[in-house]
Protein backbone atom coordinates (compact mmCIF):
# COMPACT_ATOMS: atom_id res chain seq x y z
CA MET A 1 0.00 0.00 0.00
CA ARG A 2 2.83 2.35 0.87
CA PHE A 3 4.41 1.94 -2.59
CA LYS A 4 1.10 2.71 -4.31
CA ILE A 5 0.76 5.95 -2.38
CA LEU A 6 4.29 7.17 -3.14
CA PRO A 7 3.66 7.87 -6.87
CA ILE A 8 0.52 9.81 -5.93
CA ILE A 9 2.47 11.90 -3.41
CA TYR A 10 5.23 12.50 -5.96
CA LEU A 11 2.70 13.58 -8.60
CA PHE A 12 1.04 15.96 -6.12
CA ILE A 13 4.35 17.58 -5.17
CA THR A 14 5.59 18.01 -8.73
CA THR A 15 2.24 19.34 -9.94
CA ASN A 16 2.19 22.03 -7.26
CA GLN A 17 5.86 22.77 -7.86
CA VAL A 18 5.62 23.34 -11.61
CA SER A 19 2.43 25.38 -11.34
CA ALA A 20 4.18 27.88 -9.07
CA GLN A 21 5.87 30.99 -10.43
CA ASP A 22 9.39 30.43 -11.75
CA ARG A 23 11.04 33.25 -9.75
CA VAL A 24 10.60 35.25 -6.55
CA PHE A 25 13.76 37.39 -6.86
CA THR A 26 14.66 40.12 -9.34
CA ASN A 27 18.35 39.27 -9.83
CA THR A 28 18.78 35.68 -8.65
CA TYR A 29 17.19 32.98 -10.80
CA GLN A 30 15.62 29.78 -9.48
CA THR A 31 15.61 26.37 -11.14
CA ASN A 32 11.81 26.23 -11.59
CA VAL A 33 10.50 26.21 -15.17
CA LEU A 34 7.01 26.70 -16.55
CA PRO A 35 5.04 23.58 -17.50
CA ALA A 36 4.76 22.80 -21.22
CA GLY A 37 2.40 25.23 -22.92
CA VAL A 38 2.13 27.66 -19.99
CA LYS A 39 2.86 31.26 -21.03
CA ASP A 40 3.80 34.34 -19.02
CA LEU A 41 4.13 38.00 -19.95
CA GLU A 42 6.60 39.94 -17.78
CA TYR A 43 7.55 43.59 -17.51
CA GLN A 44 10.83 44.57 -15.85
CA LEU A 45 12.00 48.02 -14.85
CA LYS A 46 15.49 48.61 -13.46
CA TRP A 47 16.75 51.99 -12.24
CA ASN A 48 20.43 52.68 -11.65
CA THR A 49 21.68 55.95 -10.17
CA GLY A 50 24.45 57.42 -8.04
CA ARG A 51 27.77 57.98 -9.81
CA THR A 52 30.46 60.56 -9.16
CA ASP A 53 28.85 62.75 -11.83
CA TYR A 54 25.12 62.89 -12.51
CA TYR A 55 23.82 59.58 -13.84
CA SER A 56 20.36 58.02 -14.15
CA ALA A 57 19.57 54.92 -16.23
CA PHE A 58 16.36 53.00 -16.87
CA GLU A 59 16.38 49.50 -18.31
CA GLN A 60 12.99 48.19 -19.43
CA ARG A 61 12.31 44.64 -20.64
CA VAL A 62 9.11 43.06 -21.93
CA GLU A 63 9.38 39.28 -21.84
CA PHE A 64 7.28 36.54 -23.40
CA GLU A 65 8.02 33.30 -21.57
CA VAL A 66 6.77 29.80 -22.36
CA GLY A 67 7.36 26.26 -21.12
CA ILE A 68 8.26 23.91 -23.96
CA GLY A 69 8.31 20.58 -22.11
CA LYS A 70 10.91 18.22 -20.61
CA ASN A 71 11.86 20.78 -17.93
CA ILE A 72 12.80 23.45 -20.48
CA GLN A 73 11.48 26.97 -20.91
CA THR A 74 12.42 29.77 -23.27
CA SER A 75 11.84 33.52 -23.46
CA LEU A 76 11.99 36.40 -25.90
CA TYR A 77 12.77 39.93 -24.66
CA LEU A 78 12.28 43.37 -26.13
CA ASN A 79 14.71 45.70 -24.35
CA PHE A 80 14.64 49.49 -24.15
CA ASN A 81 17.49 51.20 -22.29
CA SER A 82 17.65 54.90 -21.57
CA LYS A 83 20.32 56.80 -19.65
CA THR A 84 21.03 60.43 -18.82
CA LEU A 85 24.51 61.45 -17.70
CA PHE A 86 26.88 64.38 -17.34
CA ASN A 87 29.65 64.53 -19.96
CA GLY A 88 32.71 66.05 -18.32
CA THR A 89 34.41 66.77 -21.64
CA SER A 90 31.61 68.77 -23.25
CA LYS A 91 30.11 69.89 -19.91
CA THR A 92 26.65 68.89 -21.08
CA ILE A 93 23.89 66.48 -20.14
CA VAL A 94 23.80 63.57 -22.59
CA HIS A 95 20.83 61.33 -23.34
CA ASP A 96 21.29 57.85 -24.80
CA ASN A 97 18.43 55.55 -25.88
CA ARG A 98 18.88 52.03 -27.23
CA LEU A 99 16.49 49.34 -28.40
CA GLY A 100 17.50 45.68 -28.45
CA PHE A 101 16.40 42.09 -28.15
CA SER A 102 17.46 38.98 -26.27
CA SER A 103 16.44 35.36 -25.86
CA GLU A 104 16.98 32.86 -23.05
CA PHE A 105 16.74 29.15 -22.38
CA LYS A 106 16.55 27.43 -18.99
CA TRP A 107 16.93 23.68 -18.52
CA LYS A 108 15.97 22.25 -15.14
CA LEU A 109 18.10 19.27 -14.07
CA SER A 110 16.86 18.57 -10.52
CA ASP A 111 14.11 19.81 -8.20
CA PRO A 112 14.75 21.96 -5.07
CA THR A 113 11.94 20.25 -3.10
CA ILE A 114 12.17 16.59 -4.12
CA ASN A 115 15.95 16.36 -4.64
CA LYS A 116 18.72 17.34 -2.26
CA ILE A 117 19.26 20.50 -4.27
CA GLY A 118 17.74 22.08 -7.35
CA THR A 119 20.01 22.61 -10.35
CA ALA A 120 19.53 24.16 -13.78
CA LEU A 121 21.45 25.55 -16.75
CA TYR A 122 20.67 28.99 -18.19
CA ALA A 123 21.82 30.74 -21.37
CA GLU A 124 20.92 34.14 -22.84
CA VAL A 125 22.03 35.94 -25.99
CA GLY A 126 21.18 39.54 -26.85
CA SER A 127 22.12 42.58 -28.90
CA ASN A 128 21.20 46.21 -29.50
CA GLY A 129 23.07 46.49 -32.80
CA GLU A 130 26.24 47.95 -31.30
CA GLU A 131 26.81 45.46 -28.50
CA TRP A 132 26.46 41.68 -28.34
CA GLU A 133 26.22 39.71 -25.13
CA LEU A 134 26.27 36.00 -24.32
CA GLU A 135 25.48 35.00 -20.75
CA GLY A 136 25.67 31.59 -19.10
CA LYS A 137 24.51 30.67 -15.59
CA LEU A 138 24.68 27.74 -13.22
CA LEU A 139 21.56 27.81 -11.04
CA PHE A 140 21.22 26.22 -7.60
CA ASP A 141 18.38 26.46 -5.09
CA LYS A 142 16.83 24.70 -2.12
CA GLN A 143 13.34 24.92 -0.63
CA ILE A 144 13.04 24.04 3.07
CA ASN A 145 9.52 24.65 4.39
CA ASN A 146 9.01 28.45 4.12
CA HIS A 147 12.69 29.13 3.44
CA LEU A 148 14.08 29.43 -0.09
CA PHE A 149 17.80 29.71 -0.85
CA ALA A 150 19.14 30.38 -4.36
CA LEU A 151 22.65 30.77 -5.80
CA ASN A 152 23.75 31.71 -9.33
CA ILE A 153 27.23 31.59 -10.86
CA VAL A 154 27.30 33.82 -13.95
CA GLU A 155 29.79 34.35 -16.77
CA GLU A 156 29.23 36.92 -19.52
CA THR A 157 30.96 37.58 -22.82
CA GLU A 158 30.40 41.14 -24.02
CA MET A 159 31.50 42.48 -27.41
CA GLU A 160 31.20 46.11 -28.52
CA PHE A 161 32.39 47.88 -31.65
CA VAL A 162 33.74 51.45 -31.32
CA PHE A 163 35.35 53.85 -33.80
CA GLU A 164 38.71 55.14 -32.55
CA ASN A 165 41.59 56.79 -34.45
CA ASP A 166 39.83 56.30 -37.79
CA LYS A 167 39.58 52.56 -37.16
CA LEU A 168 36.80 50.22 -36.11
CA LYS A 169 37.84 48.56 -32.87
CA ARG A 170 36.31 45.57 -31.10
CA LEU A 171 36.20 45.70 -27.33
CA MET A 172 35.75 42.54 -25.27
CA GLU A 173 34.79 42.10 -21.62
CA TYR A 174 34.25 38.95 -19.56
CA PRO A 175 32.53 39.91 -16.29
CA VAL A 176 31.88 37.18 -13.72
CA SER A 177 29.31 37.48 -10.94
CA ILE A 178 27.80 35.49 -8.11
CA ALA A 179 24.22 36.15 -6.98
CA PHE A 180 22.54 34.91 -3.81
CA GLY A 181 18.93 35.17 -2.68
CA TYR A 182 17.05 34.20 0.46
CA MET A 183 13.26 34.44 0.74
CA PHE A 184 11.00 33.67 3.69
CA SER A 185 7.36 33.07 2.74
CA VAL A 186 5.15 34.78 5.29
CA SER A 187 2.11 33.29 3.51
CA ASP A 188 1.25 31.77 0.16
CA HIS A 189 1.18 35.27 -1.33
CA VAL A 190 3.86 37.32 0.49
CA GLY A 191 7.59 36.83 0.93
CA PHE A 192 10.40 38.93 2.41
CA GLY A 193 14.09 38.32 1.99
CA VAL A 194 17.47 39.61 0.86
CA GLU A 195 19.53 39.52 -2.30
CA ALA A 196 23.28 39.98 -2.72
CA LYS A 197 25.61 39.87 -5.68
CA ASN A 198 29.34 40.14 -6.31
CA PHE A 199 30.14 41.64 -9.74
CA ASN A 200 33.67 41.38 -11.14
CA ASP A 201 34.92 43.52 -14.04
CA ILE A 202 37.33 41.48 -16.20
CA SER A 203 38.77 42.54 -19.55
CA PRO A 204 41.64 41.22 -21.75
CA ASP A 205 43.51 44.54 -21.58
CA GLU A 206 43.09 45.48 -17.92
CA GLY A 207 42.58 42.07 -16.31
CA TRP A 208 40.60 41.85 -13.07
CA GLU A 209 39.69 45.48 -12.48
CA SER A 210 37.23 45.50 -9.56
CA SER A 211 34.98 43.29 -7.44
CA LEU A 212 31.80 45.01 -6.32
CA LEU A 213 29.47 43.80 -3.56
CA TYR A 214 25.77 44.74 -3.67
CA ALA A 215 23.17 43.71 -1.08
CA GLY A 216 19.67 44.76 -0.08
CA PRO A 217 16.07 43.77 0.66
CA ALA A 218 13.84 41.70 -1.64
CA PHE A 219 10.05 41.31 -1.70
CA ASN A 220 7.63 39.00 -3.47
CA PHE A 221 3.86 39.40 -3.80
CA SER A 222 1.76 36.90 -5.77
CA GLY A 223 -1.82 36.00 -6.54
CA ASP A 224 -3.79 33.81 -8.91
CA GLY A 225 -1.82 34.02 -12.17
CA TRP A 226 0.37 37.03 -11.30
CA PHE A 227 3.36 38.09 -9.18
CA ILE A 228 5.38 41.20 -8.35
CA ASN A 229 9.05 41.08 -7.29
CA LEU A 230 10.91 44.08 -5.85
CA SER A 231 14.50 44.68 -4.78
CA CYS A 232 16.89 47.50 -3.92
CA LEU A 233 20.62 46.70 -3.96
CA PRO A 234 23.00 49.50 -2.92
CA GLN A 235 26.69 49.11 -3.66
CA ILE A 236 28.34 48.11 -0.38
CA ARG A 237 32.03 47.95 -1.20
CA ASN A 238 34.69 47.40 -3.82
CA LEU A 239 36.40 44.22 -2.60
CA LYS A 240 39.35 44.51 -5.01
CA MET A 241 40.90 47.96 -5.14
CA THR A 242 43.30 48.52 -8.05
CA ASP A 243 45.09 51.46 -9.67
CA GLU A 244 42.09 51.79 -12.00
CA PHE A 245 39.54 51.63 -9.15
CA PRO A 246 41.42 52.50 -5.93
CA LEU A 247 38.46 53.52 -3.73
CA ASN A 248 36.07 51.61 -1.46
CA MET A 249 33.37 52.05 -4.12
CA ASP A 250 33.43 52.24 -7.89
CA LEU A 251 31.18 55.17 -8.77
CA THR A 252 32.84 55.82 -12.12
CA GLU A 253 31.74 52.78 -14.12
CA HIS A 254 29.01 51.54 -11.76
CA GLU A 255 26.20 53.01 -9.68
CA GLN A 256 25.64 53.36 -5.95
CA PHE A 257 22.00 52.25 -6.08
CA GLU A 258 20.25 49.62 -8.17
CA SER A 259 16.52 48.90 -7.89
CA ARG A 260 14.32 46.60 -9.93
CA ILE A 261 10.66 45.60 -10.21
CA ILE A 262 9.21 42.64 -12.14
CA ILE A 263 5.48 42.32 -12.87
CA SER A 264 4.27 39.05 -14.39
CA PHE A 265 0.92 37.78 -15.62
CA ASN A 266 -0.05 34.30 -16.72
CA LEU A 267 -1.53 34.29 -20.24
């Protein structure tokens, strides 16, 4: 009798697991994927501000996400980035707007509730015409009662073409980051937690330039077929001070404050 009940229990757990939303954080990804045929429409808004000179940037993404079966989901993004900054050379305020696209795939390998740990592979490619980016992630998470822990190891390959000294030049960067998230579910619809990430600037010419630590609060609100995730991650410290970035914070190439909101609806 016990062995007949076990498949029923397993089916109940996996059904509830896959029907849940695939993320509760804004930066840290979980291993959950949408069931085959389930579709989501997401809107993301990220605001970065707080450099040595005036700087304000908005990154907006509209995502169509769908489960395609066998623990795999894919997404298409339409990206619109806008930034306003002070140009020290011309002493003027500069506005820069860019439109781009990206696409992602996530392949779930093990479950955070049934298995000892959840694991998944993630890949994303995107471009705005001037820059190309390829991003790969190793995803880990674990659900213990009302406590959710998630860890991402991320490697990016960024390529940009610039015109310098009457020549077209290709610039390459290979940033590496680690993201961590913890969420405590107060109820089925509300969660409070924290997110942290360590971002490392790495380029072929300059090597390992800086290692920035961000950390701050995270919130999740969900209902029947929708969820809202919020986070605010201030820059805490530059863990690797170099001649290029000798201070406790890097407010030249990166911002002091980063906030993000994700709104998702099931289609």
